[in-house]
Amino acid sequence: MYKKLKIFMPVVLFVLFGLTQYFMMFPSIDNVIHDNVMISTRGASDNIIIVGIDERSINEIGNWPWPRFFMAETITRLTEMGAAAIGVNVLYDTIGAVPEYDEALLNAAMGTENLVFGGMGILSPFQDTDGQLEIEYYVLPFGELGEIATVGFLNAIPDESDGVMRRSVTALRFGDITVHSFPFEVYRTFRRTMGQSALTDIPLDRNGQFPIRYVGGPQSFATASLWGVINEHYPPDMFRDAIVLVGPYAQGIGEGSFTTPMERSIATHGVELYANIIQNFLEGIFIVDAPWWLNLAVLALCGLVITLLFQRLKPQTAFIATALLIVALLAGVRLAYDHLHIIIRVGDTIIFLVICYLTNLILSILTAQNDRQQIKDLFGRFVAPEVVNEIISGGVDIQLGGVVKEITALFVDIRGFTAFSEANSPEKVVGMVNRYLALTSSAIQKNNGTIDKFIGDATMALFNAPNNVPDHALCAVKAAWTMKKGATALKEEILREYGVDLQFGIGINTGAAVVGNMGSDFRMDYTAIGDAINTAARLESNAGKGQIIISDATYQLVKQHVEVQELGTVNFKNKSVGVLIYSVENVRD
């Protein structure tokens, strides 16, 4: 039963885990794989420069927020130095305390067509499922500033499971219109300035987002200090035809920082996040999620491979095979990400493989226990307990298909049984037979033999099978001698009770035989076949009452321990060569 379960178990688990593919039940594992296996660093674009509101600027100007004429002056300087697109990552949604400063900011904005300010969309709690998120309110820069400059929303939506920024939303629906993100508007402004067309077809997921291909961790892009720009510390051509992002670049300013897959311990500033997204637009290479059927196909392929492996491997080797399969799976995922630009979700598949292995391990243990129980059932009544324990512990190799080995076969039969059974009731016959068979069984087991079968009043025993017994011929002769001595007292009891003289006739032969489990699917026994067995049976049929007959093959192995009488050579039917036989008269201890 357990062996069949090992075959069908992966199929059942595949069905269960196939359902989890749709519901994405293991996002945390997929996130770990995405962050640590798929993503790789690459060079930042030379066209993107960050002008930071950094520690130096704060030390020179004072704590944030600053009077708005500083931002106005920055925009003016960057325009004069030929920046192709200027993105200001600061939300100026309210009128300032000093009108002259607001006026300065407006004048700076009117002095360039390449300026993008940030807005903020308030997401609607009720979302449609057509692939684009909705906002119920759009916060724009104050007054005319929102009309003079291009505006893009600063909304960034981290992963719900752990708050890490892995995807970027490009567009939001605001009533009947579509508004675009701050990085997309900066990118589109850059392309317009350079006389180039912008991307119009960006592959998005069902939430209107796309996975961000990060350049690297914090401080990957070229930076300049805002204070240095105002004071003309940089060469004029540094910003020519560049995308310049202006925004907080120091901790504690409060204009937004994020956790990214590239670096969790250090916050990534908003301008750095947007720089990464803009580079994605510039490269035009976007990662897409693999279709559901591809994820399912990967799961099915792994299930097929693991099923074939588990049928051939032991649990210890299966563990290594499962680990290697997971490593190969992760390598394939990385290649698909780098070259095919798709994300194959394998979190479910990895859990599937681990559970398959654990289930296979449990079934292997149960199968081993079941096999041990079958061995106990098969041999427990016929061999000594220590032999059974040796077989179960693996000390004996039982070949299911049979193996040729040298054994000694012993046949013992009750002489006079036929007449006794005809003259007495079945109850008396069974009672008497059981007493004789108890004697033969005890003698065989005490001398390391295996009871092969009971044939009516006869017993067939094997020595050196299934467990190895170096002196198997001597053990067989000793078992026969024990039967003969025990039968003396039993004969007197039977004679008193039933009035009949019953004694053993025993035949022993040594030779090669085929031993193993033989039979059919529904009935199988451990036994031995071959000429050596047939010869032992014929020796027993020629033995008289109380007589132990052994062949010359057996005698040559035990002659140092026995006293015999040679009986000459006998010829058996279908044997071209006669067999020299002996009668055992004594066995020396």
Foldseek 3Di string as FASTA:
>chain_A
DLLVCLLCVLVVLLVVLLVCLVVVPPVVLLVVLCLPQAADAAAADLQEEEAAQAPVVCVVQHAPDGQQLLVLLLLQLLVQLAFQAEEELDAQQDDDPDNVSVVSNVVSLLVDQRYEYEKAFAWDPDADQQQATEGADIRAHDDCSRVSYHYAYLDFDADPVPQAGFKGAAWHDHPPDIGGHRLQSNLCSLCVSVVHHFDDDDDADRNRIFTFRANADAPSHHYHYSVCSSVVVDDSNSNRSHRYYYDHDYPPSPSDWGAYSRDRVDTHGSSNVSSSVNVCRVVVATAEEDDSVVLSVVLVVLSVVLSVVLSPDDLVVSVVVLVVVVVVVSVVQNCCCVPVRYHRRCPSSNVSSVVSSVSSNVSVVVVLVVVLVVLCVFFVQWAAPVVSVCVSVPVFDFDAVWDKDKKKKKKKAKPPLVVLPVVDDPVVSVVLLVVLVVQLRVLQRVLGKTFQDCDRSMTMIMFCPRPHDPLRLLSNVSSLVSSLVVVVVVQVVCCVPPVDGMAMQMFMEIDMWIWHWDDDPVDIHTDTDDPRNVRRVVNSVPGDGSWYKYWPRSCVSQVVFFDWAWPQWDDDPPDPDTTTMITTDDGHD
